[in-house]
Amino acid sequence: MVALEALSPEKRSQILQGASTIFALDGYEGASMSRIAVEANVSKGTLYNHFESKAQLFAAFIEQTCGQFLSQVFNNAEDEDDLEAGLTGIGRRMIAMMVSPMGQTIHRVVVSEAVKFPELARIFYDAGPARATGTMAAWLERQSKLGRLTVPDAQFAADQFFALCQTRIGLQCRLNLRPTPSEAEIARLVEAAVVMFLQFYGVQVHVPASRRTHG
């Protein structure tokens, strides 16, 4: 196996930005290393010096993008002393990421190519959904140890929380049946998800003040 050249952070970012544009336009199968090289403003030889195949380049693009998204989703979550506020922040940032143009693009590319290229689905799942639910499960376990939650299966609870937050908007956005939800709409949906989640897993029922006046 030929050793690949070291890649500076600046050049890597340049290449992956070009790759993201072409994958979004052409899908995985339709994208070519030649078009990616042109979009990234590098030679095809330079591209192959750093990524030996389109699959490796796609994997690098997915891993970097998902890593950046998830660092934002869980940013400062460990510093949040209020359980309800912590869940709300994670939920809002997760949904905002999922319905963002890049989040939607990645999901559509992977789904459209999954049958022919199942390895792409695995790359995406491991770098995105699996990593997100794993991080969420670890957070929930820590909250449980602090006595704030009763969570017998943290991984399952993490899956449930993210599924609750996607109610109504997740599938519709992926199918392009509705515009991107506003911050206010996301906030309302996440608030409802947090209430339901805490009613089941909370040591005590946590109901936002804005909801306590409603029957």
N, C-alpha and C. Protein backbone atom coordinates (compact mmCIF):
# COMPACT_ATOMS: atom_id res chain seq x y z
N MET A 1 0.85 -1.21 0.00
CA MET A 1 0.00 0.00 0.00
C MET A 1 0.88 1.25 0.00
N VAL A 2 0.57 2.18 -0.89
CA VAL A 2 1.38 3.39 -1.03
C VAL A 2 1.08 4.33 0.13
N ALA A 3 2.16 4.84 0.74
CA ALA A 3 1.98 5.78 1.85
C ALA A 3 1.49 7.11 1.30
N LEU A 4 0.49 7.68 1.94
CA LEU A 4 -0.06 8.96 1.51
C LEU A 4 0.70 10.10 2.14
N GLU A 5 0.75 11.22 1.43
CA GLU A 5 1.46 12.38 1.93
C GLU A 5 0.71 13.02 3.09
N ALA A 6 1.47 13.63 3.97
CA ALA A 6 0.84 14.37 5.07
C ALA A 6 0.08 15.56 4.50
N LEU A 7 -1.01 15.89 5.12
CA LEU A 7 -1.88 16.94 4.62
C LEU A 7 -2.02 18.04 5.66
N SER A 8 -1.72 19.29 5.26
CA SER A 8 -1.86 20.40 6.18
C SER A 8 -3.34 20.63 6.48
N PRO A 9 -3.68 21.17 7.65
CA PRO A 9 -5.09 21.44 7.97
C PRO A 9 -5.76 22.34 6.93
N GLU A 10 -5.01 23.32 6.42
CA GLU A 10 -5.58 24.24 5.44
C GLU A 10 -5.91 23.53 4.13
N LYS A 11 -4.98 22.70 3.66
CA LYS A 11 -5.20 21.98 2.41
C LYS A 11 -6.29 20.94 2.57
N ARG A 12 -6.33 20.29 3.72
CA ARG A 12 -7.38 19.30 3.97
C ARG A 12 -8.75 19.95 3.94
N SER A 13 -8.87 21.10 4.59
CA SER A 13 -10.13 21.83 4.61
C SER A 13 -10.53 22.24 3.19
N GLN A 14 -9.57 22.68 2.41
CA GLN A 14 -9.82 23.09 1.03
C GLN A 14 -10.36 21.93 0.21
N ILE A 15 -9.74 20.78 0.35
CA ILE A 15 -10.16 19.60 -0.41
C ILE A 15 -11.54 19.12 0.03
N LEU A 16 -11.76 19.06 1.33
CA LEU A 16 -13.04 18.57 1.83
C LEU A 16 -14.18 19.52 1.51
N GLN A 17 -13.90 20.81 1.45
CA GLN A 17 -14.92 21.77 1.04
C GLN A 17 -15.32 21.53 -0.41
N GLY A 18 -14.32 21.30 -1.27
CA GLY A 18 -14.61 20.99 -2.66
C GLY A 18 -15.39 19.69 -2.79
N ALA A 19 -15.01 18.70 -2.00
CA ALA A 19 -15.69 17.41 -2.03
C ALA A 19 -17.15 17.56 -1.61
N SER A 20 -17.40 18.37 -0.58
CA SER A 20 -18.78 18.53 -0.10
C SER A 20 -19.66 19.13 -1.18
N THR A 21 -19.12 20.07 -1.95
CA THR A 21 -19.89 20.69 -3.02
C THR A 21 -20.25 19.69 -4.10
N ILE A 22 -19.28 18.88 -4.52
CA ILE A 22 -19.51 17.93 -5.60
C ILE A 22 -20.39 16.77 -5.14
N PHE A 23 -20.19 16.27 -3.94
CA PHE A 23 -21.06 15.20 -3.45
C PHE A 23 -22.51 15.68 -3.35
N ALA A 24 -22.69 16.94 -2.96
CA ALA A 24 -24.04 17.49 -2.85
C ALA A 24 -24.69 17.62 -4.23
N LEU A 25 -23.91 18.01 -5.22
CA LEU A 25 -24.44 18.20 -6.57
C LEU A 25 -24.65 16.90 -7.33
N ASP A 26 -23.68 15.98 -7.22
CA ASP A 26 -23.65 14.80 -8.08
C ASP A 26 -23.95 13.49 -7.35
N GLY A 27 -24.10 13.55 -6.03
CA GLY A 27 -24.22 12.30 -5.29
C GLY A 27 -22.87 11.61 -5.20
N TYR A 28 -22.84 10.46 -4.56
CA TYR A 28 -21.57 9.76 -4.43
C TYR A 28 -21.15 9.10 -5.74
N GLU A 29 -22.06 8.33 -6.34
CA GLU A 29 -21.70 7.62 -7.56
C GLU A 29 -21.38 8.57 -8.69
N GLY A 30 -22.12 9.67 -8.80
CA GLY A 30 -21.90 10.60 -9.89
C GLY A 30 -20.68 11.48 -9.72
N ALA A 31 -20.21 11.64 -8.51
CA ALA A 31 -19.05 12.50 -8.26
C ALA A 31 -17.78 11.83 -8.78
N SER A 32 -16.89 12.62 -9.34
CA SER A 32 -15.61 12.10 -9.80
C SER A 32 -14.48 12.83 -9.09
N MET A 33 -13.37 12.13 -8.96
CA MET A 33 -12.21 12.76 -8.32
C MET A 33 -11.73 13.94 -9.15
N SER A 34 -11.92 13.87 -10.46
CA SER A 34 -11.49 14.98 -11.33
C SER A 34 -12.29 16.24 -11.02
N ARG A 35 -13.63 16.10 -10.90
CA ARG A 35 -14.46 17.27 -10.60
C ARG A 35 -14.19 17.80 -9.21
N ILE A 36 -13.92 16.90 -8.29
CA ILE A 36 -13.61 17.34 -6.93
C ILE A 36 -12.31 18.12 -6.92
N ALA A 37 -11.32 17.65 -7.68
CA ALA A 37 -10.04 18.34 -7.74
C ALA A 37 -10.20 19.75 -8.31
N VAL A 38 -11.01 19.87 -9.35
CA VAL A 38 -11.25 21.18 -9.95
C VAL A 38 -11.95 22.10 -8.94
N GLU A 39 -12.98 21.58 -8.28
CA GLU A 39 -13.74 22.38 -7.31
C GLU A 39 -12.86 22.81 -6.15
N ALA A 40 -11.94 21.92 -5.74
CA ALA A 40 -11.06 22.21 -4.61
C ALA A 40 -9.84 23.03 -5.02
N ASN A 41 -9.68 23.24 -6.33
CA ASN A 41 -8.55 24.00 -6.86
C ASN A 41 -7.21 23.34 -6.54
N VAL A 42 -7.18 22.01 -6.72
CA VAL A 42 -5.94 21.26 -6.59
C VAL A 42 -5.84 20.34 -7.80
N SER A 43 -4.64 19.82 -8.05
CA SER A 43 -4.49 18.88 -9.15
C SER A 43 -5.03 17.52 -8.75
N LYS A 44 -5.39 16.73 -9.76
CA LYS A 44 -5.88 15.38 -9.48
C LYS A 44 -4.80 14.56 -8.81
N GLY A 45 -3.55 14.78 -9.21
CA GLY A 45 -2.43 14.07 -8.59
C GLY A 45 -2.32 14.41 -7.12
N THR A 46 -2.49 15.70 -6.79
CA THR A 46 -2.44 16.11 -5.39
C THR A 46 -3.55 15.44 -4.59
N LEU A 47 -4.73 15.36 -5.19
CA LEU A 47 -5.87 14.74 -4.51
C LEU A 47 -5.56 13.27 -4.19
N TYR A 48 -5.02 12.55 -5.16
CA TYR A 48 -4.72 11.13 -4.94
C TYR A 48 -3.52 10.93 -4.03
N ASN A 49 -2.68 11.94 -3.90
CA ASN A 49 -1.56 11.84 -2.97
C ASN A 49 -2.06 11.84 -1.52
N HIS A 50 -3.24 12.40 -1.31
CA HIS A 50 -3.78 12.51 0.04
C HIS A 50 -4.94 11.57 0.32
N PHE A 51 -5.68 11.22 -0.74
CA PHE A 51 -6.81 10.29 -0.60
C PHE A 51 -6.73 9.28 -1.73
N GLU A 52 -6.53 8.02 -1.37
CA GLU A 52 -6.27 7.02 -2.40
C GLU A 52 -7.52 6.60 -3.17
N SER A 53 -8.71 6.96 -2.68
CA SER A 53 -9.93 6.59 -3.38
C SER A 53 -11.04 7.58 -3.03
N LYS A 54 -12.09 7.56 -3.85
CA LYS A 54 -13.25 8.41 -3.58
C LYS A 54 -13.91 8.00 -2.28
N ALA A 55 -13.93 6.70 -1.99
CA ALA A 55 -14.53 6.22 -0.75
C ALA A 55 -13.79 6.78 0.46
N GLN A 56 -12.46 6.82 0.39
CA GLN A 56 -11.68 7.35 1.51
C GLN A 56 -11.93 8.85 1.67
N LEU A 57 -12.07 9.54 0.56
CA LEU A 57 -12.34 10.98 0.61
C LEU A 57 -13.74 11.23 1.19
N PHE A 58 -14.71 10.44 0.77
CA PHE A 58 -16.06 10.60 1.30
C PHE A 58 -16.06 10.33 2.81
N ALA A 59 -15.34 9.31 3.23
CA ALA A 59 -15.27 8.98 4.66
C ALA A 59 -14.68 10.14 5.44
N ALA A 60 -13.62 10.75 4.91
CA ALA A 60 -12.99 11.88 5.58
C ALA A 60 -13.95 13.07 5.67
N PHE A 61 -14.68 13.31 4.58
CA PHE A 61 -15.67 14.39 4.56
C PHE A 61 -16.77 14.16 5.60
N ILE A 62 -17.30 12.95 5.66
CA ILE A 62 -18.36 12.62 6.62
C ILE A 62 -17.85 12.73 8.05
N GLU A 63 -16.68 12.17 8.32
CA GLU A 63 -16.15 12.17 9.68
C GLU A 63 -15.86 13.58 10.17
N GLN A 64 -15.31 14.42 9.30
CA GLN A 64 -15.02 15.79 9.71
C GLN A 64 -16.31 16.57 9.95
N THR A 65 -17.26 16.46 9.03
CA THR A 65 -18.50 17.22 9.15
C THR A 65 -19.30 16.79 10.36
N CYS A 66 -19.43 15.47 10.55
CA CYS A 66 -20.18 14.97 11.71
C CYS A 66 -19.48 15.36 13.02
N GLY A 67 -18.16 15.32 13.02
CA GLY A 67 -17.41 15.71 14.21
C GLY A 67 -17.65 17.16 14.57
N GLN A 68 -17.66 18.02 13.56
CA GLN A 68 -17.91 19.44 13.81
C GLN A 68 -19.33 19.67 14.31
N PHE A 69 -20.29 18.99 13.70
CA PHE A 69 -21.68 19.12 14.14
C PHE A 69 -21.85 18.68 15.59
N LEU A 70 -21.31 17.51 15.92
CA LEU A 70 -21.55 16.96 17.25
C LEU A 70 -20.82 17.74 18.34
N SER A 71 -19.69 18.32 18.00
CA SER A 71 -19.01 19.15 19.00
C SER A 71 -19.87 20.36 19.35
N GLN A 72 -20.64 20.85 18.38
CA GLN A 72 -21.54 21.97 18.63
C GLN A 72 -22.76 21.51 19.42
N VAL A 73 -23.29 20.33 19.09
CA VAL A 73 -24.49 19.83 19.77
C VAL A 73 -24.25 19.65 21.26
N PHE A 74 -23.09 19.10 21.61
CA PHE A 74 -22.81 18.81 23.01
C PHE A 74 -21.91 19.84 23.67
N ASN A 75 -21.72 20.97 23.01
CA ASN A 75 -20.90 22.04 23.55
C ASN A 75 -21.47 22.55 24.88
N ASN A 76 -20.64 22.56 25.90
CA ASN A 76 -21.00 23.06 27.24
C ASN A 76 -22.06 22.22 27.95
N ALA A 77 -22.43 21.06 27.39
CA ALA A 77 -23.46 20.24 28.04
C ALA A 77 -23.01 19.78 29.42
N GLU A 78 -21.72 19.53 29.59
CA GLU A 78 -21.22 19.05 30.88
C GLU A 78 -21.24 20.15 31.94
N ASP A 79 -21.26 21.39 31.50
CA ASP A 79 -21.25 22.50 32.45
C ASP A 79 -22.65 22.93 32.88
N GLU A 80 -23.66 22.31 32.29
CA GLU A 80 -25.04 22.71 32.57
C GLU A 80 -25.52 22.03 33.86
N ASP A 81 -25.81 22.83 34.89
CA ASP A 81 -26.27 22.28 36.17
C ASP A 81 -27.75 21.95 36.17
N ASP A 82 -28.52 22.60 35.32
CA ASP A 82 -29.96 22.39 35.27
C ASP A 82 -30.27 21.30 34.24
N LEU A 83 -30.85 20.19 34.71
CA LEU A 83 -31.12 19.05 33.84
C LEU A 83 -32.02 19.42 32.67
N GLU A 84 -33.09 20.12 32.96
CA GLU A 84 -34.03 20.50 31.91
C GLU A 84 -33.38 21.40 30.87
N ALA A 85 -32.58 22.35 31.34
CA ALA A 85 -31.88 23.25 30.41
C ALA A 85 -30.86 22.48 29.58
N GLY A 86 -30.19 21.51 30.20
CA GLY A 86 -29.22 20.70 29.47
C GLY A 86 -29.87 19.91 28.36
N LEU A 87 -30.97 19.22 28.66
CA LEU A 87 -31.69 18.46 27.64
C LEU A 87 -32.21 19.37 26.54
N THR A 88 -32.74 20.52 26.93
CA THR A 88 -33.29 21.45 25.95
C THR A 88 -32.21 21.95 24.99
N GLY A 89 -31.05 22.30 25.54
CA GLY A 89 -29.97 22.78 24.69
C GLY A 89 -29.49 21.72 23.71
N ILE A 90 -29.30 20.51 24.20
CA ILE A 90 -28.86 19.42 23.33
C ILE A 90 -29.90 19.17 22.24
N GLY A 91 -31.17 19.11 22.64
CA GLY A 91 -32.23 18.84 21.67
C GLY A 91 -32.33 19.91 20.59
N ARG A 92 -32.28 21.16 20.99
CA ARG A 92 -32.38 22.24 20.01
C ARG A 92 -31.21 22.22 19.03
N ARG A 93 -30.00 22.04 19.56
CA ARG A 93 -28.83 22.05 18.68
C ARG A 93 -28.82 20.83 17.76
N MET A 94 -29.27 19.68 18.27
CA MET A 94 -29.31 18.49 17.44
C MET A 94 -30.29 18.66 16.27
N ILE A 95 -31.49 19.16 16.55
CA ILE A 95 -32.47 19.34 15.48
C ILE A 95 -32.02 20.41 14.49
N ALA A 96 -31.46 21.50 14.99
CA ALA A 96 -30.95 22.55 14.09
C ALA A 96 -29.89 21.98 13.16
N MET A 97 -29.04 21.09 13.67
CA MET A 97 -28.03 20.45 12.84
C MET A 97 -28.67 19.54 11.80
N MET A 98 -29.64 18.75 12.21
CA MET A 98 -30.25 17.78 11.31
C MET A 98 -30.99 18.45 10.16
N VAL A 99 -31.64 19.59 10.42
CA VAL A 99 -32.43 20.24 9.37
C VAL A 99 -31.63 21.30 8.62
N SER A 100 -30.35 21.46 8.96
CA SER A 100 -29.51 22.42 8.24
C SER A 100 -29.27 21.93 6.82
N PRO A 101 -28.94 22.81 5.89
CA PRO A 101 -28.68 22.38 4.51
C PRO A 101 -27.64 21.26 4.42
N MET A 102 -26.54 21.38 5.16
CA MET A 102 -25.51 20.35 5.10
C MET A 102 -25.99 19.04 5.72
N GLY A 103 -26.70 19.14 6.85
CA GLY A 103 -27.23 17.93 7.47
C GLY A 103 -28.18 17.19 6.54
N GLN A 104 -29.05 17.93 5.86
CA GLN A 104 -29.99 17.33 4.92
C GLN A 104 -29.26 16.74 3.71
N THR A 105 -28.26 17.45 3.23
CA THR A 105 -27.51 16.98 2.07
C THR A 105 -26.83 15.65 2.35
N ILE A 106 -26.14 15.56 3.47
CA ILE A 106 -25.44 14.33 3.81
C ILE A 106 -26.43 13.17 3.91
N HIS A 107 -27.53 13.38 4.59
CA HIS A 107 -28.51 12.31 4.76
C HIS A 107 -29.05 11.84 3.41
N ARG A 108 -29.39 12.77 2.53
CA ARG A 108 -29.95 12.40 1.23
C ARG A 108 -28.95 11.67 0.36
N VAL A 109 -27.69 12.11 0.38
CA VAL A 109 -26.67 11.42 -0.41
C VAL A 109 -26.49 10.00 0.08
N VAL A 110 -26.39 9.83 1.39
CA VAL A 110 -26.16 8.50 1.94
C VAL A 110 -27.34 7.58 1.65
N VAL A 111 -28.56 8.05 1.88
CA VAL A 111 -29.73 7.22 1.64
C VAL A 111 -29.85 6.83 0.17
N SER A 112 -29.58 7.77 -0.72
CA SER A 112 -29.72 7.49 -2.15
C SER A 112 -28.69 6.48 -2.66
N GLU A 113 -27.56 6.38 -1.98
CA GLU A 113 -26.50 5.49 -2.43
C GLU A 113 -26.35 4.23 -1.57
N ALA A 114 -27.16 4.09 -0.53
CA ALA A 114 -26.95 3.03 0.46
C ALA A 114 -27.06 1.62 -0.12
N VAL A 115 -27.95 1.41 -1.08
CA VAL A 115 -28.12 0.07 -1.63
C VAL A 115 -26.88 -0.35 -2.43
N LYS A 116 -26.39 0.55 -3.28
CA LYS A 116 -25.21 0.23 -4.09
C LYS A 116 -23.92 0.28 -3.29
N PHE A 117 -23.88 1.19 -2.32
CA PHE A 117 -22.64 1.39 -1.56
C PHE A 117 -22.94 1.32 -0.06
N PRO A 118 -23.22 0.13 0.46
CA PRO A 118 -23.59 0.01 1.88
C PRO A 118 -22.50 0.47 2.83
N GLU A 119 -21.25 0.47 2.36
CA GLU A 119 -20.18 0.94 3.23
C GLU A 119 -20.33 2.43 3.55
N LEU A 120 -20.95 3.18 2.63
CA LEU A 120 -21.17 4.60 2.89
C LEU A 120 -22.15 4.79 4.05
N ALA A 121 -23.19 3.95 4.06
CA ALA A 121 -24.16 4.03 5.14
C ALA A 121 -23.50 3.72 6.48
N ARG A 122 -22.60 2.75 6.49
CA ARG A 122 -21.91 2.40 7.73
C ARG A 122 -21.00 3.54 8.19
N ILE A 123 -20.29 4.16 7.25
CA ILE A 123 -19.42 5.29 7.59
C ILE A 123 -20.24 6.41 8.22
N PHE A 124 -21.37 6.73 7.58
CA PHE A 124 -22.23 7.80 8.09
C PHE A 124 -22.82 7.44 9.45
N TYR A 125 -23.31 6.23 9.57
CA TYR A 125 -23.96 5.82 10.82
C TYR A 125 -22.97 5.86 11.98
N ASP A 126 -21.77 5.34 11.75
CA ASP A 126 -20.77 5.31 12.83
C ASP A 126 -20.32 6.71 13.22
N ALA A 127 -20.13 7.58 12.23
CA ALA A 127 -19.61 8.92 12.51
C ALA A 127 -20.68 9.88 12.99
N GLY A 128 -21.95 9.62 12.60
CA GLY A 128 -23.03 10.53 12.95
C GLY A 128 -23.98 10.00 14.00
N PRO A 129 -25.04 9.28 13.59
CA PRO A 129 -26.05 8.82 14.55
C PRO A 129 -25.50 7.99 15.70
N ALA A 130 -24.64 7.03 15.42
CA ALA A 130 -24.12 6.17 16.49
C ALA A 130 -23.28 6.97 17.48
N ARG A 131 -22.48 7.86 16.96
CA ARG A 131 -21.65 8.69 17.84
C ARG A 131 -22.51 9.64 18.66
N ALA A 132 -23.55 10.18 18.04
CA ALA A 132 -24.44 11.11 18.75
C ALA A 132 -25.18 10.40 19.88
N THR A 133 -25.77 9.25 19.59
CA THR A 133 -26.51 8.54 20.63
C THR A 133 -25.57 7.99 21.70
N GLY A 134 -24.35 7.62 21.30
CA GLY A 134 -23.38 7.16 22.29
C GLY A 134 -22.98 8.27 23.25
N THR A 135 -22.74 9.45 22.70
CA THR A 135 -22.39 10.60 23.54
C THR A 135 -23.57 10.98 24.43
N MET A 136 -24.78 10.94 23.87
CA MET A 136 -25.97 11.25 24.66
C MET A 136 -26.17 10.22 25.76
N ALA A 137 -25.96 8.96 25.45
CA ALA A 137 -26.12 7.91 26.46
C ALA A 137 -25.16 8.11 27.62
N ALA A 138 -23.92 8.46 27.30
CA ALA A 138 -22.93 8.70 28.36
C ALA A 138 -23.35 9.89 29.22
N TRP A 139 -23.90 10.92 28.59
CA TRP A 139 -24.38 12.10 29.33
C TRP A 139 -25.53 11.72 30.25
N LEU A 140 -26.45 10.92 29.75
CA LEU A 140 -27.59 10.48 30.55
C LEU A 140 -27.15 9.61 31.72
N GLU A 141 -26.15 8.77 31.50
CA GLU A 141 -25.63 7.95 32.59
C GLU A 141 -25.03 8.81 33.70
N ARG A 142 -24.33 9.86 33.30
CA ARG A 142 -23.76 10.75 34.31
C ARG A 142 -24.86 11.47 35.09
N GLN A 143 -25.91 11.88 34.38
CA GLN A 143 -27.03 12.53 35.06
C GLN A 143 -27.72 11.56 36.02
N SER A 144 -27.80 10.32 35.63
CA SER A 144 -28.41 9.30 36.49
C SER A 144 -27.58 9.08 37.75
N LYS A 145 -26.26 9.06 37.60
CA LYS A 145 -25.38 8.89 38.75
C LYS A 145 -25.47 10.07 39.70
N LEU A 146 -25.79 11.23 39.17
CA LEU A 146 -25.96 12.43 40.00
C LEU A 146 -27.33 12.45 40.69
N GLY A 147 -28.15 11.45 40.40
CA GLY A 147 -29.45 11.37 41.03
C GLY A 147 -30.53 12.20 40.38
N ARG A 148 -30.27 12.68 39.16
CA ARG A 148 -31.24 13.53 38.48
C ARG A 148 -32.21 12.74 37.61
N LEU A 149 -31.80 11.54 37.19
CA LEU A 149 -32.60 10.70 36.31
C LEU A 149 -32.58 9.27 36.81
N THR A 150 -33.56 8.49 36.38
CA THR A 150 -33.54 7.05 36.57
C THR A 150 -33.58 6.43 35.18
N VAL A 151 -32.41 6.01 34.69
CA VAL A 151 -32.28 5.54 33.31
C VAL A 151 -31.68 4.13 33.31
N PRO A 152 -32.50 3.10 33.22
CA PRO A 152 -31.98 1.73 33.24
C PRO A 152 -31.20 1.35 31.98
N ASP A 153 -31.54 1.93 30.84
CA ASP A 153 -30.87 1.64 29.57
C ASP A 153 -30.58 2.98 28.89
N ALA A 154 -29.39 3.51 29.11
CA ALA A 154 -29.07 4.85 28.63
C ALA A 154 -29.04 4.93 27.11
N GLN A 155 -28.58 3.87 26.45
CA GLN A 155 -28.52 3.89 24.99
C GLN A 155 -29.93 3.98 24.39
N PHE A 156 -30.83 3.19 24.95
CA PHE A 156 -32.22 3.22 24.47
C PHE A 156 -32.86 4.57 24.78
N ALA A 157 -32.60 5.12 25.95
CA ALA A 157 -33.15 6.42 26.32
C ALA A 157 -32.63 7.51 25.39
N ALA A 158 -31.36 7.43 25.00
CA ALA A 158 -30.80 8.41 24.07
C ALA A 158 -31.50 8.34 22.72
N ASP A 159 -31.74 7.12 22.24
CA ASP A 159 -32.47 6.95 20.98
C ASP A 159 -33.87 7.56 21.09
N GLN A 160 -34.52 7.30 22.22
CA GLN A 160 -35.86 7.84 22.43
C GLN A 160 -35.88 9.36 22.44
N PHE A 161 -34.91 9.95 23.12
CA PHE A 161 -34.90 11.41 23.21
C PHE A 161 -34.76 12.06 21.85
N PHE A 162 -33.83 11.56 21.04
CA PHE A 162 -33.65 12.16 19.72
C PHE A 162 -34.85 11.90 18.82
N ALA A 163 -35.49 10.74 18.98
CA ALA A 163 -36.69 10.46 18.19
C ALA A 163 -37.83 11.41 18.59
N LEU A 164 -37.99 11.66 19.87
CA LEU A 164 -39.02 12.59 20.34
C LEU A 164 -38.81 13.99 19.77
N CYS A 165 -37.56 14.42 19.75
CA CYS A 165 -37.26 15.77 19.26
C CYS A 165 -37.56 15.93 17.78
N GLN A 166 -37.55 14.83 17.03
CA GLN A 166 -37.79 14.90 15.60
C GLN A 166 -39.26 14.81 15.23
N THR A 167 -40.12 14.62 16.23
CA THR A 167 -41.55 14.46 15.95
C THR A 167 -42.06 15.55 15.01
N ARG A 168 -42.77 15.12 13.98
CA ARG A 168 -43.43 15.98 13.00
C ARG A 168 -42.48 16.56 11.96
N ILE A 169 -41.31 17.04 12.36
CA ILE A 169 -40.49 17.77 11.39
C ILE A 169 -39.41 16.91 10.73
N GLY A 170 -38.94 15.85 11.40
CA GLY A 170 -37.80 15.10 10.89
C GLY A 170 -38.03 14.53 9.51
N LEU A 171 -39.03 13.67 9.37
CA LEU A 171 -39.29 13.02 8.09
C LEU A 171 -39.73 14.02 7.04
N GLN A 172 -40.57 14.97 7.42
CA GLN A 172 -41.05 15.96 6.44
C GLN A 172 -39.91 16.78 5.86
N CYS A 173 -38.95 17.14 6.70
CA CYS A 173 -37.79 17.90 6.20
C CYS A 173 -36.95 17.04 5.26
N ARG A 174 -36.73 15.79 5.63
CA ARG A 174 -35.92 14.91 4.78
C ARG A 174 -36.57 14.69 3.42
N LEU A 175 -37.90 14.67 3.39
CA LEU A 175 -38.62 14.49 2.13
C LEU A 175 -38.86 15.81 1.40
N ASN A 176 -38.35 16.89 1.97
CA ASN A 176 -38.50 18.22 1.38
C ASN A 176 -39.97 18.61 1.21
N LEU A 177 -40.78 18.21 2.19
CA LEU A 177 -42.21 18.50 2.16
C LEU A 177 -42.57 19.77 2.91
N ARG A 178 -41.60 20.39 3.55
CA ARG A 178 -41.87 21.59 4.33
C ARG A 178 -40.60 22.42 4.40
N PRO A 179 -40.74 23.71 4.66
CA PRO A 179 -39.54 24.55 4.80
C PRO A 179 -38.82 24.23 6.10
N THR A 180 -37.59 24.66 6.19
CA THR A 180 -36.82 24.47 7.41
C THR A 180 -37.54 25.13 8.58
N PRO A 181 -37.75 24.41 9.68
CA PRO A 181 -38.48 24.99 10.82
C PRO A 181 -37.72 26.16 11.43
N SER A 182 -38.46 27.09 11.97
CA SER A 182 -37.87 28.26 12.62
C SER A 182 -37.32 27.85 13.98
N GLU A 183 -36.50 28.73 14.56
CA GLU A 183 -35.98 28.48 15.90
C GLU A 183 -37.11 28.35 16.91
N ALA A 184 -38.16 29.15 16.73
CA ALA A 184 -39.29 29.11 17.66
C ALA A 184 -40.01 27.76 17.57
N GLU A 185 -40.18 27.25 16.37
CA GLU A 185 -40.85 25.95 16.21
C GLU A 185 -40.00 24.83 16.79
N ILE A 186 -38.70 24.87 16.54
CA ILE A 186 -37.81 23.87 17.12
C ILE A 186 -37.88 23.92 18.64
N ALA A 187 -37.90 25.13 19.18
CA ALA A 187 -37.96 25.30 20.63
C ALA A 187 -39.23 24.67 21.20
N ARG A 188 -40.36 24.87 20.53
CA ARG A 188 -41.62 24.30 21.02
C ARG A 188 -41.59 22.78 20.99
N LEU A 189 -41.08 22.23 19.90
CA LEU A 189 -41.05 20.77 19.77
C LEU A 189 -40.10 20.14 20.79
N VAL A 190 -38.95 20.76 20.99
CA VAL A 190 -37.99 20.22 21.95
C VAL A 190 -38.52 20.34 23.37
N GLU A 191 -39.20 21.45 23.67
CA GLU A 191 -39.79 21.61 25.00
C GLU A 191 -40.76 20.47 25.29
N ALA A 192 -41.62 20.14 24.31
CA ALA A 192 -42.57 19.05 24.49
C ALA A 192 -41.85 17.72 24.67
N ALA A 193 -40.76 17.52 23.90
CA ALA A 193 -39.99 16.28 24.02
C ALA A 193 -39.36 16.16 25.40
N VAL A 194 -38.82 17.25 25.91
CA VAL A 194 -38.18 17.24 27.22
C VAL A 194 -39.20 16.94 28.32
N VAL A 195 -40.37 17.55 28.23
CA VAL A 195 -41.42 17.28 29.22
C VAL A 195 -41.76 15.80 29.25
N MET A 196 -41.99 15.21 28.09
CA MET A 196 -42.35 13.80 28.03
C MET A 196 -41.21 12.91 28.52
N PHE A 197 -39.99 13.25 28.13
CA PHE A 197 -38.83 12.46 28.53
C PHE A 197 -38.67 12.47 30.05
N LEU A 198 -38.81 13.64 30.65
CA LEU A 198 -38.63 13.75 32.10
C LEU A 198 -39.80 13.17 32.89
N GLN A 199 -40.97 13.14 32.29
CA GLN A 199 -42.09 12.50 32.95
C GLN A 199 -41.84 11.00 33.11
N PHE A 200 -41.08 10.43 32.20
CA PHE A 200 -40.80 8.99 32.26
C PHE A 200 -39.51 8.70 33.02
N TYR A 201 -38.45 9.46 32.77
CA TYR A 201 -37.14 9.16 33.34
C TYR A 201 -36.75 10.07 34.51
N GLY A 202 -37.46 11.16 34.69
CA GLY A 202 -37.07 12.10 35.73
C GLY A 202 -37.35 11.57 37.13
N VAL A 203 -36.46 11.90 38.05
CA VAL A 203 -36.68 11.54 39.45
C VAL A 203 -37.90 12.27 39.97
N GLN A 204 -38.06 13.52 39.53
CA GLN A 204 -39.26 14.30 39.78
C GLN A 204 -39.73 14.85 38.45
N VAL A 205 -41.01 15.10 38.34
CA VAL A 205 -41.53 15.65 37.09
C VAL A 205 -41.10 17.09 36.94
N HIS A 206 -40.50 17.40 35.81
CA HIS A 206 -40.05 18.77 35.53
C HIS A 206 -40.95 19.33 34.44
N VAL A 207 -41.72 20.33 34.75
CA VAL A 207 -42.59 20.96 33.77
C VAL A 207 -42.23 22.43 33.65
N PRO A 208 -41.90 22.90 32.44
CA PRO A 208 -41.55 24.32 32.27
C PRO A 208 -42.67 25.22 32.76
N ALA A 209 -42.28 26.37 33.32
CA ALA A 209 -43.26 27.33 33.84
C ALA A 209 -44.29 27.70 32.79
N SER A 210 -43.84 27.77 31.51
CA SER A 210 -44.75 28.19 30.45
C SER A 210 -45.86 27.17 30.22
N ARG A 211 -45.66 25.92 30.72
CA ARG A 211 -46.65 24.88 30.52
C ARG A 211 -47.52 24.64 31.75
N ARG A 212 -47.08 25.16 32.91
CA ARG A 212 -47.80 24.82 34.16
C ARG A 212 -49.17 25.47 34.25
N THR A 213 -49.40 26.52 33.47
CA THR A 213 -50.69 27.21 33.54
C THR A 213 -51.71 26.57 32.61
N HIS A 214 -51.25 25.61 31.79
CA HIS A 214 -52.16 24.97 30.86
C HIS A 214 -52.70 23.69 31.48
N GLY A 215 -54.04 23.52 31.40
CA GLY A 215 -54.69 22.39 31.98
C GLY A 215 -53.90 21.22 32.02
